[in-house]
N, C-alpha and C. Protein backbone atom coordinates (compact mmCIF):
# COMPACT_ATOMS: atom_id res chain seq x y z
N MET A 1 -6.57 67.96 66.90
CA MET A 1 -7.30 68.20 65.73
C MET A 1 -6.39 69.15 64.74
N LYS A 2 -6.34 68.82 63.55
CA LYS A 2 -5.79 69.71 62.48
C LYS A 2 -6.69 70.71 61.94
N LYS A 3 -6.11 71.78 61.45
CA LYS A 3 -6.96 72.88 60.76
C LYS A 3 -6.40 73.26 59.46
N ILE A 4 -7.32 73.32 58.58
CA ILE A 4 -7.07 73.74 57.09
C ILE A 4 -7.91 74.90 56.68
N LEU A 5 -7.32 75.72 55.97
CA LEU A 5 -8.08 76.92 55.40
C LEU A 5 -8.13 76.67 53.75
N PHE A 6 -9.32 76.64 53.28
CA PHE A 6 -9.51 76.50 51.76
C PHE A 6 -9.75 77.95 51.20
N TYR A 7 -8.90 78.43 50.34
CA TYR A 7 -9.14 79.85 49.80
C TYR A 7 -9.36 79.54 48.21
N GLY A 8 -10.34 79.95 47.81
CA GLY A 8 -10.96 79.68 46.45
C GLY A 8 -11.83 80.71 45.80
N ASP A 9 -12.49 80.20 44.77
CA ASP A 9 -13.49 81.02 44.08
C ASP A 9 -14.90 80.55 44.19
N SER A 10 -15.65 80.68 43.17
CA SER A 10 -17.14 80.31 43.41
C SER A 10 -17.44 78.89 43.67
N ASN A 11 -16.67 77.90 43.36
CA ASN A 11 -16.91 76.60 43.68
C ASN A 11 -16.47 76.28 45.07
N THR A 12 -15.67 77.16 45.65
CA THR A 12 -15.51 76.93 47.14
C THR A 12 -16.52 77.69 47.87
N TYR A 13 -16.97 78.76 47.33
CA TYR A 13 -18.06 79.56 47.87
C TYR A 13 -19.41 78.75 48.00
N GLY A 14 -19.57 77.94 46.92
CA GLY A 14 -20.87 77.14 46.86
C GLY A 14 -21.81 77.83 45.96
N TYR A 15 -21.31 78.48 44.89
CA TYR A 15 -22.23 79.29 43.98
C TYR A 15 -23.17 78.48 43.29
N ASP A 16 -24.43 78.89 43.23
CA ASP A 16 -25.52 78.12 42.57
C ASP A 16 -25.92 79.02 41.47
N PRO A 17 -25.53 78.63 40.11
CA PRO A 17 -25.90 79.44 38.95
C PRO A 17 -27.39 79.54 38.67
N ALA A 18 -28.22 78.76 39.16
CA ALA A 18 -29.68 78.70 39.03
C ALA A 18 -30.25 79.50 40.08
N GLY A 19 -29.55 80.06 41.09
CA GLY A 19 -30.15 80.95 42.12
C GLY A 19 -30.44 82.38 41.49
N PHE A 20 -31.32 82.95 42.26
CA PHE A 20 -31.79 84.32 41.76
C PHE A 20 -30.60 85.32 41.92
N MET A 21 -30.18 86.01 40.97
CA MET A 21 -29.15 87.02 41.04
C MET A 21 -27.84 86.40 41.43
N GLY A 22 -27.61 85.12 41.09
CA GLY A 22 -26.46 84.33 41.51
C GLY A 22 -26.48 83.96 43.05
N GLY A 23 -27.24 82.82 43.23
CA GLY A 23 -27.38 82.37 44.57
C GLY A 23 -26.24 81.59 45.14
N ARG A 24 -26.57 80.81 46.12
CA ARG A 24 -25.52 79.91 46.86
C ARG A 24 -26.36 78.67 47.34
N TYR A 25 -25.72 77.51 47.18
CA TYR A 25 -26.26 76.30 47.74
C TYR A 25 -26.52 76.39 49.11
N PRO A 26 -27.41 75.70 49.67
CA PRO A 26 -27.47 75.52 51.10
C PRO A 26 -26.23 75.06 51.74
N ARG A 27 -25.97 75.61 52.97
CA ARG A 27 -24.70 75.29 53.56
C ARG A 27 -24.47 73.80 53.65
N GLN A 28 -25.51 73.06 53.87
CA GLN A 28 -25.30 71.50 54.12
C GLN A 28 -25.03 70.95 52.76
N GLU A 29 -25.13 71.53 51.57
CA GLU A 29 -24.91 70.91 50.41
C GLU A 29 -23.59 71.43 49.78
N ARG A 30 -22.88 72.26 50.46
CA ARG A 30 -21.50 72.73 49.96
C ARG A 30 -20.33 71.54 50.32
N TRP A 31 -19.40 71.48 49.38
CA TRP A 31 -18.49 70.49 49.70
C TRP A 31 -17.61 70.78 50.93
N THR A 32 -17.47 72.01 51.24
CA THR A 32 -16.66 72.35 52.41
C THR A 32 -17.39 71.97 53.75
N THR A 33 -18.72 72.00 53.71
CA THR A 33 -19.72 71.49 54.82
C THR A 33 -19.56 70.04 54.84
N ILE A 34 -19.77 69.47 53.72
CA ILE A 34 -19.74 67.91 53.79
C ILE A 34 -18.31 67.53 54.25
N LEU A 35 -17.31 68.12 53.77
CA LEU A 35 -15.96 67.68 54.12
C LEU A 35 -15.83 67.75 55.69
N GLN A 36 -16.35 68.76 56.28
CA GLN A 36 -16.22 68.97 57.72
C GLN A 36 -16.95 67.96 58.52
N LYS A 37 -18.17 67.56 57.97
CA LYS A 37 -18.98 66.42 58.52
C LYS A 37 -18.12 65.13 58.45
N ASN A 38 -17.55 64.90 57.28
CA ASN A 38 -16.79 63.64 57.08
C ASN A 38 -15.62 63.58 58.05
N LEU A 39 -14.91 64.65 58.35
CA LEU A 39 -13.71 64.63 59.02
C LEU A 39 -13.87 65.34 60.39
N GLN A 40 -15.02 65.40 60.97
CA GLN A 40 -15.28 66.17 62.25
C GLN A 40 -14.44 65.71 63.46
N GLU A 41 -13.93 64.59 63.46
CA GLU A 41 -13.05 64.14 64.43
C GLU A 41 -11.61 64.36 64.42
N THR A 42 -11.17 64.82 63.09
CA THR A 42 -9.81 65.02 62.91
C THR A 42 -9.41 66.49 62.34
N TRP A 43 -10.27 67.02 61.53
CA TRP A 43 -9.92 68.29 60.91
C TRP A 43 -10.97 69.28 61.15
N GLN A 44 -10.49 70.56 61.32
CA GLN A 44 -11.39 71.84 61.37
C GLN A 44 -11.30 72.34 60.04
N ILE A 45 -12.32 72.61 59.29
CA ILE A 45 -12.39 73.07 57.86
C ILE A 45 -12.91 74.61 57.92
N VAL A 46 -12.00 75.53 57.43
CA VAL A 46 -12.31 76.81 57.24
C VAL A 46 -12.29 77.06 55.71
N ALA A 47 -13.26 77.75 55.27
CA ALA A 47 -13.52 78.10 53.81
C ALA A 47 -13.53 79.59 53.63
N ASP A 48 -12.89 80.08 52.63
CA ASP A 48 -12.89 81.50 52.15
C ASP A 48 -12.99 81.43 50.68
N GLY A 49 -14.33 81.38 50.12
CA GLY A 49 -14.48 81.40 48.69
C GLY A 49 -15.18 82.55 48.25
N MET A 50 -14.92 83.08 47.01
CA MET A 50 -15.58 84.26 46.53
C MET A 50 -15.80 84.06 45.11
N PRO A 51 -16.99 84.30 44.58
CA PRO A 51 -17.37 84.22 42.96
C PRO A 51 -16.40 85.16 42.36
N GLY A 52 -15.79 84.77 41.22
CA GLY A 52 -15.09 85.67 40.39
C GLY A 52 -13.59 85.74 40.80
N ARG A 53 -13.30 85.26 41.91
CA ARG A 53 -11.91 85.43 42.59
C ARG A 53 -10.87 84.85 41.56
N ALA A 54 -9.87 85.58 41.30
CA ALA A 54 -8.56 85.28 40.61
C ALA A 54 -7.42 85.37 41.53
N LEU A 55 -6.19 84.92 41.03
CA LEU A 55 -5.16 85.13 41.82
C LEU A 55 -4.78 86.65 42.09
N PRO A 56 -4.37 86.95 43.38
CA PRO A 56 -4.29 88.46 43.67
C PRO A 56 -3.33 89.31 42.95
N THR A 57 -3.62 90.41 42.68
CA THR A 57 -2.76 91.51 42.00
C THR A 57 -2.70 92.73 42.62
N SER A 58 -3.70 93.04 43.49
CA SER A 58 -3.60 94.48 44.13
C SER A 58 -3.06 94.20 45.68
N VAL A 59 -2.73 95.45 46.05
CA VAL A 59 -2.29 95.56 47.42
C VAL A 59 -3.29 95.15 48.54
N TYR A 60 -4.59 95.58 48.29
CA TYR A 60 -5.63 95.19 49.03
C TYR A 60 -5.78 93.59 49.02
N GLU A 61 -5.73 92.99 48.02
CA GLU A 61 -5.91 91.56 48.01
C GLU A 61 -4.76 90.83 48.85
N TRP A 62 -3.56 91.27 48.62
CA TRP A 62 -2.47 90.78 49.37
C TRP A 62 -2.63 90.97 50.98
N ASP A 63 -3.16 92.12 51.19
CA ASP A 63 -3.27 92.65 52.62
C ASP A 63 -4.41 91.60 53.28
N TYR A 64 -5.40 91.47 52.50
CA TYR A 64 -6.56 90.64 52.97
C TYR A 64 -6.14 89.19 53.25
N ILE A 65 -5.26 88.72 52.41
CA ILE A 65 -4.78 87.30 52.71
C ILE A 65 -3.84 87.21 53.85
N ARG A 66 -3.02 88.36 53.97
CA ARG A 66 -2.24 88.34 55.23
C ARG A 66 -2.93 88.34 56.41
N SER A 67 -3.97 89.24 56.45
CA SER A 67 -4.87 89.34 57.69
C SER A 67 -5.66 88.10 57.92
N MET A 68 -6.07 87.36 56.92
CA MET A 68 -6.80 86.15 56.95
C MET A 68 -5.98 85.09 57.70
N ILE A 69 -4.75 85.06 57.31
CA ILE A 69 -3.79 84.03 57.78
C ILE A 69 -3.55 84.31 59.23
N ARG A 70 -3.34 85.50 59.58
CA ARG A 70 -3.10 85.76 60.95
C ARG A 70 -4.42 85.53 61.84
N GLN A 71 -5.54 85.68 61.32
CA GLN A 71 -6.74 85.49 62.03
C GLN A 71 -7.01 84.05 62.26
N GLU A 72 -6.62 83.21 61.35
CA GLU A 72 -6.97 81.74 61.42
C GLU A 72 -5.86 80.90 62.04
N GLU A 73 -4.64 81.49 62.23
CA GLU A 73 -3.57 80.83 62.72
C GLU A 73 -4.00 80.34 64.28
N PRO A 74 -3.42 79.04 64.59
CA PRO A 74 -2.37 78.29 63.83
C PRO A 74 -3.13 77.46 62.88
N LEU A 75 -2.41 77.23 61.62
CA LEU A 75 -2.90 76.43 60.65
C LEU A 75 -2.03 75.40 60.21
N ASP A 76 -2.50 74.19 60.15
CA ASP A 76 -1.72 73.14 59.51
C ASP A 76 -1.57 73.05 58.17
N VAL A 77 -2.58 73.50 57.45
CA VAL A 77 -2.49 73.54 56.01
C VAL A 77 -3.23 74.72 55.52
N PHE A 78 -2.59 75.31 54.45
CA PHE A 78 -3.31 76.39 53.74
C PHE A 78 -3.54 75.86 52.33
N ALA A 79 -4.68 75.70 51.90
CA ALA A 79 -5.10 75.12 50.56
C ALA A 79 -5.65 76.32 49.70
N VAL A 80 -5.27 76.15 48.29
CA VAL A 80 -5.81 77.19 47.46
C VAL A 80 -6.22 76.37 46.18
N MET A 81 -7.34 76.86 45.67
CA MET A 81 -7.87 76.32 44.37
C MET A 81 -8.28 77.53 43.62
N LEU A 82 -7.44 78.02 42.87
CA LEU A 82 -7.66 79.37 42.05
C LEU A 82 -6.93 79.08 40.62
N GLY A 83 -7.42 79.77 39.66
CA GLY A 83 -6.82 79.80 38.30
C GLY A 83 -7.78 79.70 37.20
N THR A 84 -9.07 79.15 37.53
CA THR A 84 -10.10 79.04 36.53
C THR A 84 -10.41 80.47 35.99
N ASN A 85 -10.67 81.42 36.85
CA ASN A 85 -10.99 82.82 36.50
C ASN A 85 -9.88 83.43 35.85
N ASP A 86 -8.78 83.13 36.12
CA ASP A 86 -7.45 83.77 35.48
C ASP A 86 -7.51 83.42 34.03
N ILE A 87 -8.09 82.18 33.63
CA ILE A 87 -8.11 81.66 32.42
C ILE A 87 -9.27 82.26 31.52
N LEU A 88 -10.43 82.04 32.15
CA LEU A 88 -11.77 82.49 31.58
C LEU A 88 -11.94 83.93 31.47
N GLY A 89 -11.40 84.86 32.30
CA GLY A 89 -11.59 86.24 32.46
C GLY A 89 -10.77 87.08 31.54
N THR A 90 -10.04 86.49 30.62
CA THR A 90 -9.20 87.16 29.60
C THR A 90 -9.37 86.69 28.24
N LEU A 91 -9.14 87.55 27.31
CA LEU A 91 -9.12 87.22 25.79
C LEU A 91 -7.78 86.60 25.46
N ARG A 92 -6.89 86.70 26.38
CA ARG A 92 -5.37 86.21 26.17
C ARG A 92 -5.02 85.26 27.27
N PRO A 93 -5.86 84.05 27.37
CA PRO A 93 -5.48 83.18 28.53
C PRO A 93 -4.12 82.71 28.41
N ASP A 94 -3.32 82.64 29.47
CA ASP A 94 -2.03 82.13 29.52
C ASP A 94 -1.73 81.25 30.68
N ALA A 95 -1.67 80.02 30.53
CA ALA A 95 -1.52 79.13 31.73
C ALA A 95 -0.22 79.24 32.35
N ALA A 96 0.90 79.61 31.61
CA ALA A 96 2.18 79.71 32.11
C ALA A 96 2.26 80.86 33.08
N LYS A 97 1.74 82.14 32.61
CA LYS A 97 1.63 83.29 33.45
C LYS A 97 0.90 83.05 34.76
N THR A 98 -0.25 82.31 34.56
CA THR A 98 -1.13 82.05 35.79
C THR A 98 -0.28 81.10 36.69
N ALA A 99 0.45 80.14 36.24
CA ALA A 99 1.26 79.25 37.09
C ALA A 99 2.36 80.05 37.87
N ALA A 100 2.88 81.10 37.06
CA ALA A 100 3.98 81.88 37.65
C ALA A 100 3.40 82.69 38.78
N ARG A 101 2.22 83.32 38.53
CA ARG A 101 1.61 84.02 39.65
C ARG A 101 1.10 83.09 40.89
N MET A 102 0.87 81.94 40.59
CA MET A 102 0.59 80.97 41.68
C MET A 102 1.86 80.81 42.46
N SER A 103 3.02 80.66 41.76
CA SER A 103 4.20 80.61 42.44
C SER A 103 4.37 81.74 43.40
N ASP A 104 4.08 82.97 43.00
CA ASP A 104 4.27 84.12 43.80
C ASP A 104 3.36 83.93 45.01
N PHE A 105 2.20 83.48 44.78
CA PHE A 105 1.15 83.25 45.96
C PHE A 105 1.73 82.37 46.88
N ILE A 106 2.31 81.24 46.47
CA ILE A 106 2.84 80.15 47.35
C ILE A 106 3.88 80.95 48.29
N SER A 107 4.86 81.71 47.72
CA SER A 107 5.83 82.33 48.33
C SER A 107 5.26 83.32 49.41
N PHE A 108 4.31 84.01 48.97
CA PHE A 108 3.59 85.06 49.92
C PHE A 108 3.03 84.27 51.12
N VAL A 109 2.32 83.18 50.94
CA VAL A 109 1.75 82.43 52.06
C VAL A 109 3.02 81.86 52.92
N GLU A 110 3.94 81.30 52.38
CA GLU A 110 4.95 80.79 53.21
C GLU A 110 5.72 81.88 53.88
N ASP A 111 5.85 83.12 53.48
CA ASP A 111 6.45 84.19 54.10
C ASP A 111 5.54 84.77 55.21
N ASN A 112 4.19 84.47 55.13
CA ASN A 112 3.37 85.04 56.27
C ASN A 112 2.72 84.09 57.09
N ALA A 113 2.71 82.85 56.78
CA ALA A 113 2.17 81.86 57.66
C ALA A 113 3.23 81.37 58.69
N GLU A 114 2.68 80.86 59.82
CA GLU A 114 3.56 80.32 60.91
C GLU A 114 4.49 79.10 60.30
N GLU A 115 5.67 78.94 60.94
CA GLU A 115 6.46 77.91 60.43
C GLU A 115 5.71 76.53 60.77
N GLY A 116 5.89 75.68 59.76
CA GLY A 116 5.24 74.39 59.83
C GLY A 116 3.86 74.22 59.14
N THR A 117 3.34 75.34 58.58
CA THR A 117 2.11 75.32 57.78
C THR A 117 2.44 74.80 56.49
N GLN A 118 1.69 73.83 56.13
CA GLN A 118 2.01 73.11 54.73
C GLN A 118 1.05 73.91 53.69
N PHE A 119 1.48 73.83 52.51
CA PHE A 119 0.61 74.46 51.41
C PHE A 119 0.02 73.28 50.57
N LEU A 120 -1.20 73.38 50.22
CA LEU A 120 -1.78 72.43 49.36
C LEU A 120 -2.30 73.16 48.17
N LEU A 121 -1.74 72.91 46.99
CA LEU A 121 -2.14 73.26 45.81
C LEU A 121 -3.19 72.42 44.97
N ILE A 122 -4.35 72.97 44.67
CA ILE A 122 -5.34 72.14 44.07
C ILE A 122 -5.58 72.55 42.64
N ALA A 123 -5.31 71.87 41.81
CA ALA A 123 -5.67 72.17 40.42
C ALA A 123 -7.05 72.08 40.21
N PRO A 124 -7.80 73.21 39.76
CA PRO A 124 -9.26 73.21 39.74
C PRO A 124 -9.93 72.25 38.76
N PRO A 125 -11.11 72.00 38.86
CA PRO A 125 -11.91 71.11 37.92
C PRO A 125 -11.68 71.60 36.61
N GLY A 126 -11.61 70.59 35.55
CA GLY A 126 -11.40 71.00 34.14
C GLY A 126 -12.44 72.08 33.65
N ILE A 127 -11.96 72.74 32.66
CA ILE A 127 -12.79 73.89 32.02
C ILE A 127 -13.77 73.14 30.99
N LEU A 128 -15.07 73.01 31.36
CA LEU A 128 -15.96 72.24 30.38
C LEU A 128 -17.10 73.44 30.05
N LEU A 129 -17.02 73.93 28.95
CA LEU A 129 -17.90 75.12 28.60
C LEU A 129 -19.18 74.65 27.79
N THR A 130 -20.28 75.27 28.04
CA THR A 130 -21.48 75.02 27.38
C THR A 130 -22.01 76.35 26.83
N ASP A 131 -23.10 76.18 26.01
CA ASP A 131 -23.69 77.48 25.34
C ASP A 131 -24.09 78.35 26.55
N GLN A 132 -24.67 77.90 27.57
CA GLN A 132 -24.98 78.71 28.70
C GLN A 132 -23.81 79.44 29.28
N SER A 133 -22.73 78.85 29.28
CA SER A 133 -21.43 79.44 29.91
C SER A 133 -21.14 80.83 29.10
N PHE A 134 -21.37 80.88 27.92
CA PHE A 134 -21.19 82.10 27.11
C PHE A 134 -22.34 83.02 27.12
N ALA A 135 -23.42 82.56 27.61
CA ALA A 135 -24.62 83.41 27.77
C ALA A 135 -24.57 84.23 29.03
N GLU A 136 -23.76 83.78 30.03
CA GLU A 136 -23.54 84.34 31.31
C GLU A 136 -22.21 85.01 31.49
N PRO A 137 -22.12 85.92 32.39
CA PRO A 137 -20.76 86.66 32.48
C PRO A 137 -19.65 85.82 33.13
N TYR A 138 -19.54 84.55 32.76
CA TYR A 138 -18.46 83.80 33.32
C TYR A 138 -17.25 83.77 32.48
N VAL A 139 -17.47 84.02 31.25
CA VAL A 139 -16.43 83.87 30.14
C VAL A 139 -16.18 85.01 29.35
N CYS A 140 -14.98 85.45 29.28
CA CYS A 140 -14.61 86.79 28.76
C CYS A 140 -14.90 86.78 27.19
N GLY A 141 -14.39 85.67 26.49
CA GLY A 141 -14.45 85.64 25.02
C GLY A 141 -15.79 84.88 24.65
N GLY A 142 -15.96 84.82 23.21
CA GLY A 142 -17.08 84.26 22.58
C GLY A 142 -16.82 82.74 22.48
N LYS A 143 -17.75 81.96 21.81
CA LYS A 143 -17.73 80.52 21.52
C LYS A 143 -16.43 80.14 20.84
N ASN A 144 -15.92 80.95 19.92
CA ASN A 144 -14.83 80.73 19.33
C ASN A 144 -13.50 80.41 20.11
N PHE A 145 -13.67 80.96 21.30
CA PHE A 145 -12.47 80.82 22.28
C PHE A 145 -12.47 79.56 23.17
N ALA A 146 -13.59 78.87 22.92
CA ALA A 146 -13.89 77.53 23.75
C ALA A 146 -12.63 76.72 23.78
N GLN A 147 -12.20 76.36 22.64
CA GLN A 147 -11.05 75.43 22.48
C GLN A 147 -9.84 75.98 23.31
N LEU A 148 -9.57 77.22 22.94
CA LEU A 148 -8.50 77.91 23.61
C LEU A 148 -8.54 77.87 25.17
N TYR A 149 -9.73 78.14 25.69
CA TYR A 149 -9.90 78.12 27.17
C TYR A 149 -9.59 76.69 27.55
N TYR A 150 -10.12 75.69 26.94
CA TYR A 150 -10.02 74.27 27.21
C TYR A 150 -8.58 73.88 27.49
N GLU A 151 -7.80 74.25 26.22
CA GLU A 151 -6.48 73.87 26.16
C GLU A 151 -5.60 74.56 27.21
N GLU A 152 -5.84 75.86 27.39
CA GLU A 152 -5.00 76.57 28.49
C GLU A 152 -5.41 75.98 29.86
N GLY A 153 -6.54 75.47 30.06
CA GLY A 153 -7.00 74.84 31.35
C GLY A 153 -6.13 73.58 31.60
N GLU A 154 -6.02 72.68 30.46
CA GLU A 154 -5.28 71.47 30.50
C GLU A 154 -3.90 71.88 30.99
N LYS A 155 -3.33 72.77 30.26
CA LYS A 155 -1.87 73.20 30.43
C LYS A 155 -1.65 73.68 31.95
N LEU A 156 -2.62 74.41 32.44
CA LEU A 156 -2.58 75.01 33.85
C LEU A 156 -2.46 73.76 34.91
N THR A 157 -3.20 72.71 34.57
CA THR A 157 -3.16 71.61 35.52
C THR A 157 -1.66 70.98 35.45
N GLU A 158 -1.07 70.88 34.24
CA GLU A 158 0.23 70.41 34.15
C GLU A 158 1.36 71.35 34.83
N TYR A 159 1.10 72.64 34.71
CA TYR A 159 2.06 73.55 35.20
C TYR A 159 1.98 73.51 36.73
N TYR A 160 0.67 73.30 37.43
CA TYR A 160 0.53 73.38 38.73
C TYR A 160 1.17 72.09 39.30
N GLU A 161 1.11 71.01 38.57
CA GLU A 161 1.63 69.81 39.17
C GLU A 161 3.17 69.96 39.09
N GLU A 162 3.77 70.57 38.08
CA GLU A 162 5.23 70.72 38.16
C GLU A 162 5.61 71.76 39.13
N LEU A 163 4.70 72.74 39.31
CA LEU A 163 5.06 73.85 40.40
C LEU A 163 5.08 73.07 41.71
N ALA A 164 3.99 72.27 41.96
CA ALA A 164 4.00 71.64 43.36
C ALA A 164 5.33 70.89 43.56
N GLU A 165 5.72 70.02 42.69
CA GLU A 165 7.01 69.19 42.72
C GLU A 165 8.11 70.25 42.98
N CYS A 166 8.16 71.35 42.14
CA CYS A 166 9.38 72.04 42.22
C CYS A 166 9.39 72.76 43.62
N ARG A 167 8.25 73.18 44.08
CA ARG A 167 8.21 73.95 45.41
C ARG A 167 8.01 72.99 46.62
N GLN A 168 7.83 71.69 46.31
CA GLN A 168 7.69 70.69 47.36
C GLN A 168 6.48 71.07 48.17
N THR A 169 5.38 71.27 47.61
CA THR A 169 4.08 71.39 48.33
C THR A 169 3.21 70.29 47.99
N LEU A 170 2.11 70.22 48.81
CA LEU A 170 1.21 69.27 48.59
C LEU A 170 0.31 69.54 47.34
N PHE A 171 -0.11 68.56 46.71
CA PHE A 171 -0.92 68.73 45.46
C PHE A 171 -2.12 67.76 45.30
N ALA A 172 -3.16 68.32 44.68
CA ALA A 172 -4.39 67.37 44.39
C ALA A 172 -4.97 67.99 43.07
N ASP A 173 -5.25 67.14 42.23
CA ASP A 173 -5.70 67.34 40.89
C ASP A 173 -7.13 67.11 40.71
N ALA A 174 -7.89 68.13 41.04
CA ALA A 174 -9.33 67.97 40.91
C ALA A 174 -9.78 67.85 39.39
N SER A 175 -8.99 68.17 38.42
CA SER A 175 -9.31 68.07 36.96
C SER A 175 -9.55 66.66 36.58
N LYS A 176 -8.95 65.67 37.47
CA LYS A 176 -9.05 64.21 37.17
C LYS A 176 -10.23 63.62 37.79
N TRP A 177 -10.80 64.30 38.77
CA TRP A 177 -11.87 63.76 39.57
C TRP A 177 -13.24 63.54 38.63
N GLU A 178 -13.90 62.52 38.77
CA GLU A 178 -15.38 62.51 38.10
C GLU A 178 -16.30 63.30 38.91
N LEU A 179 -16.61 64.64 38.45
CA LEU A 179 -17.47 65.44 39.16
C LEU A 179 -18.76 65.68 38.21
N ASP A 180 -19.58 66.53 38.84
CA ASP A 180 -20.87 66.80 38.13
C ASP A 180 -21.04 68.22 38.07
N PHE A 181 -21.44 68.84 37.07
CA PHE A 181 -21.52 70.28 36.94
C PHE A 181 -22.96 70.82 36.73
N ALA A 182 -23.26 72.04 37.05
CA ALA A 182 -24.46 72.67 36.72
C ALA A 182 -24.65 72.90 35.29
N PHE A 183 -25.79 73.38 34.93
CA PHE A 183 -26.10 73.62 33.43
C PHE A 183 -25.18 74.49 32.77
N ASP A 184 -24.38 75.29 33.43
CA ASP A 184 -23.44 76.15 32.84
C ASP A 184 -22.03 75.59 32.47
N GLY A 185 -21.84 74.48 33.02
CA GLY A 185 -20.54 73.76 32.79
C GLY A 185 -19.47 74.22 33.41
N VAL A 186 -19.61 75.25 34.34
CA VAL A 186 -18.56 75.98 35.08
C VAL A 186 -18.52 75.79 36.51
N HIS A 187 -19.72 75.64 37.05
CA HIS A 187 -19.92 75.51 38.56
C HIS A 187 -20.29 74.05 38.85
N LEU A 188 -19.96 73.63 40.01
CA LEU A 188 -20.27 72.36 40.53
C LEU A 188 -21.83 72.31 40.81
N SER A 189 -22.53 71.04 40.46
CA SER A 189 -23.89 70.97 40.91
C SER A 189 -23.82 70.53 42.29
N GLU A 190 -25.01 70.31 42.98
CA GLU A 190 -25.01 69.80 44.27
C GLU A 190 -24.40 68.40 44.38
N ARG A 191 -24.75 67.55 43.34
CA ARG A 191 -24.11 66.25 43.32
C ARG A 191 -22.61 66.40 43.19
N GLY A 192 -22.20 67.37 42.40
CA GLY A 192 -20.68 67.61 42.20
C GLY A 192 -20.06 67.98 43.51
N HIS A 193 -20.71 68.84 44.42
CA HIS A 193 -20.16 69.23 45.70
C HIS A 193 -20.01 67.97 46.52
N ALA A 194 -20.85 67.00 46.41
CA ALA A 194 -20.77 65.79 47.26
C ALA A 194 -19.52 64.95 46.78
N LEU A 195 -19.57 64.87 45.38
CA LEU A 195 -18.41 64.16 44.78
C LEU A 195 -17.00 64.70 45.11
N PHE A 196 -16.98 66.05 45.09
CA PHE A 196 -15.74 66.84 45.41
C PHE A 196 -15.38 66.54 46.75
N ALA A 197 -16.34 66.59 47.69
CA ALA A 197 -16.17 66.40 49.13
C ALA A 197 -15.46 65.08 49.40
N ALA A 198 -16.11 64.08 48.76
CA ALA A 198 -15.63 62.61 48.86
C ALA A 198 -14.11 62.44 48.42
N LYS A 199 -13.70 63.17 47.49
CA LYS A 199 -12.31 63.15 46.92
C LYS A 199 -11.42 63.79 47.88
N MET A 200 -11.86 64.95 48.35
CA MET A 200 -11.08 65.77 49.26
C MET A 200 -10.93 65.18 50.55
N THR A 201 -11.79 64.41 51.14
CA THR A 201 -11.78 63.65 52.27
C THR A 201 -10.68 62.58 52.12
N GLU A 202 -10.52 61.89 51.01
CA GLU A 202 -9.56 60.95 50.75
C GLU A 202 -8.04 61.68 50.97
N VAL A 203 -8.03 62.98 50.21
CA VAL A 203 -6.73 63.64 50.26
C VAL A 203 -6.47 63.99 51.75
N LEU A 204 -7.36 64.48 52.55
CA LEU A 204 -6.93 64.86 53.80
C LEU A 204 -6.61 63.63 54.87
N LYS A 205 -7.31 62.63 54.55
CA LYS A 205 -7.09 61.36 55.39
C LYS A 205 -5.73 60.97 55.18
N GLU A 206 -5.09 61.22 54.01
CA GLU A 206 -3.77 60.77 53.83
C GLU A 206 -2.74 61.68 54.60
N LEU A 207 -3.34 62.81 55.08
CA LEU A 207 -2.41 63.78 55.83
C LEU A 207 -2.59 63.61 57.41
N ASP A 208 -3.50 62.71 57.72
CA ASP A 208 -3.72 62.55 59.25
C ASP A 208 -2.46 61.94 59.81
């Protein structure tokens, strides 16, 4: 049986924006749990998601990732889906800089994981903002920034694809998947989690 670790933000965590004080979908409704059920004979799924998570910048964050890798080894695949918060969390979103930081992230994982561990870079779902998105602390700027966030999100997907090709890593583009979002347009709905799991099942079956 193969083992994959998914490192991500609130959509990996299973964040429910309708929950009290920011809840979480029931375990059985999260895409990571559905994925495990779909592939229970061939893959062990480990998920590490955290709301608000962006690409690491502090020593603490790098140390955490290093210890997580050591704890979960041996790993066949280390998968990451980050970048949305790096775009939405600033008044100066820069997809190119975010992609450069992702390249550093890939290097760090490759340097700390056992030989033979593959890296799967997942371009996150597209940035689709609603009025509710700006009413909640998900987005740094105001509504006038909506088009900028959208455009930088589109660029990020392109940069990630180029990066995966350059670094010869596995790549999946969730921005092209037909998903469903909660009322805020930022987080996956329960149906969105089911759809995401179905698509990721296809991705992993190709690696069997």
